[in-house]
Amino acid sequence: MAIAMQSGVQLEAHQVVYRPVVTEKGTHLSERYNCYTFEVNPIATKHDIRNAVQELFKVRVVKVRTQNRVGKPRRHKMIESYTQAWKKAIVELHDEDRIAFF
């Protein structure tokens, strides 16, 4: 099922959600609040993310929060550059639904 975007680009569900972000804080969110963190396509909207997670993992999504993560400055010897900017989505699921990553 293709997901329509405002920019006119059609993305599939697997193109919206890149990967789960498994960190200590994300594990705490999943155990305590049933919220899961994903790296998503920067042009995806909250509605697109909700539909993609529901389609990929067969769960019910209650709420979606997003963050645009800015790249940080890094230096290697004399070369200065930035890490890549990315978009993060925190998805809250229905109380009865769970996603098992491991």
Protein backbone atom coordinates (compact mmCIF):
# COMPACT_ATOMS: atom_id res chain seq x y z
CA MET A 1 0.00 0.00 0.00
CA ALA A 2 1.54 3.31 -1.09
CA ILE A 3 1.45 6.25 1.29
CA ALA A 4 0.81 9.66 -0.28
CA MET A 5 3.10 12.49 0.74
CA GLN A 6 2.57 16.25 0.50
CA SER A 7 5.68 16.60 -1.66
CA GLY A 8 4.05 14.37 -4.28
CA VAL A 9 6.38 11.43 -3.57
CA GLN A 10 4.76 8.02 -3.05
CA LEU A 11 6.50 5.99 -0.34
CA GLU A 12 5.82 2.43 0.77
CA ALA A 13 5.58 1.61 4.48
CA HIS A 14 9.08 0.10 4.53
CA GLN A 15 10.44 3.34 3.00
CA VAL A 16 8.93 5.48 5.79
CA VAL A 17 10.37 3.55 8.76
CA TYR A 18 14.13 2.99 8.37
CA ARG A 19 15.02 1.16 11.59
CA PRO A 20 14.20 0.97 15.29
CA VAL A 21 16.47 3.01 17.56
CA VAL A 22 17.45 0.67 20.39
CA THR A 23 19.01 2.64 23.25
CA GLU A 24 18.84 2.48 27.02
CA LYS A 25 16.33 5.31 27.11
CA GLY A 26 14.25 3.75 24.31
CA THR A 27 14.17 0.41 26.13
CA HIS A 28 12.94 2.19 29.27
CA LEU A 29 10.18 3.90 27.24
CA SER A 30 9.08 0.61 25.69
CA GLU A 31 8.93 -1.24 29.02
CA ARG A 32 7.27 1.48 31.06
CA TYR A 33 5.14 3.52 28.63
CA ASN A 34 4.74 1.17 25.63
CA CYS A 35 6.48 3.74 23.35
CA TYR A 36 8.90 2.69 20.61
CA THR A 37 11.51 4.82 18.83
CA PHE A 38 12.23 4.66 15.09
CA GLU A 39 14.45 6.44 12.61
CA VAL A 40 12.11 7.61 9.84
CA ASN A 41 12.22 9.29 6.45
CA PRO A 42 12.73 13.06 6.90
CA ILE A 43 9.81 13.93 4.60
CA ALA A 44 7.35 11.58 6.36
CA THR A 45 4.50 13.14 8.34
CA LYS A 46 3.02 11.86 11.60
CA HIS A 47 0.07 10.40 9.69
CA ASP A 48 2.45 8.55 7.32
CA ILE A 49 4.46 7.18 10.26
CA ARG A 50 1.29 6.00 12.03
CA ASN A 51 0.08 4.12 8.94
CA ALA A 52 3.50 2.59 8.26
CA VAL A 53 3.98 1.26 11.81
CA GLN A 54 0.45 -0.15 11.87
CA GLU A 55 1.02 -1.90 8.54
CA LEU A 56 4.53 -3.23 9.25
CA PHE A 57 4.06 -4.45 12.84
CA LYS A 58 0.26 -5.13 12.91
CA VAL A 59 -0.30 -2.96 16.00
CA ARG A 60 -2.59 -0.05 16.93
CA VAL A 61 -0.87 3.34 17.25
CA VAL A 62 -2.25 5.82 19.80
CA LYS A 63 0.14 8.76 19.39
CA VAL A 64 3.17 9.80 17.31
CA ARG A 65 5.80 12.37 18.36
CA THR A 66 8.59 13.44 16.02
CA GLN A 67 11.95 15.16 16.36
CA ASN A 68 14.26 16.53 13.69
CA ARG A 69 17.73 15.69 15.00
CA VAL A 70 20.38 18.19 13.88
CA GLY A 71 23.84 16.97 12.89
CA LYS A 72 26.60 17.65 15.42
CA PRO A 73 29.98 19.16 14.53
CA ARG A 74 32.84 16.64 14.48
CA ARG A 75 36.55 16.94 13.78
CA HIS A 76 39.09 14.41 12.58
CA LYS A 77 42.61 15.86 12.63
CA MET A 78 42.28 19.09 10.60
CA ILE A 79 39.01 18.25 8.83
CA GLU A 80 35.81 19.65 10.31
CA SER A 81 32.46 18.15 9.32
CA TYR A 82 29.00 17.38 10.66
CA THR A 83 27.19 14.14 11.43
CA GLN A 84 24.12 13.49 9.35
CA ALA A 85 20.80 15.06 10.40
CA TRP A 86 17.91 12.60 10.80
CA LYS A 87 14.29 12.37 11.89
CA LYS A 88 13.21 10.41 14.96
CA ALA A 89 9.67 9.22 15.74
CA ILE A 90 8.43 8.07 19.14
CA VAL A 91 5.34 5.92 18.63
CA GLU A 92 2.96 5.12 21.51
CA LEU A 93 1.00 1.89 21.09
CA HIS A 94 -2.32 0.67 22.47
CA ASP A 95 -2.01 -0.95 25.92
CA GLU A 96 -2.65 -4.44 24.53
CA ASP A 97 -0.06 -4.23 21.70
CA ARG A 98 3.69 -4.89 21.89
CA ILE A 99 6.61 -4.98 19.42
CA ALA A 100 9.44 -7.48 20.04
CA PHE A 101 12.76 -6.39 18.48
CA PHE A 102 14.89 -9.14 20.00
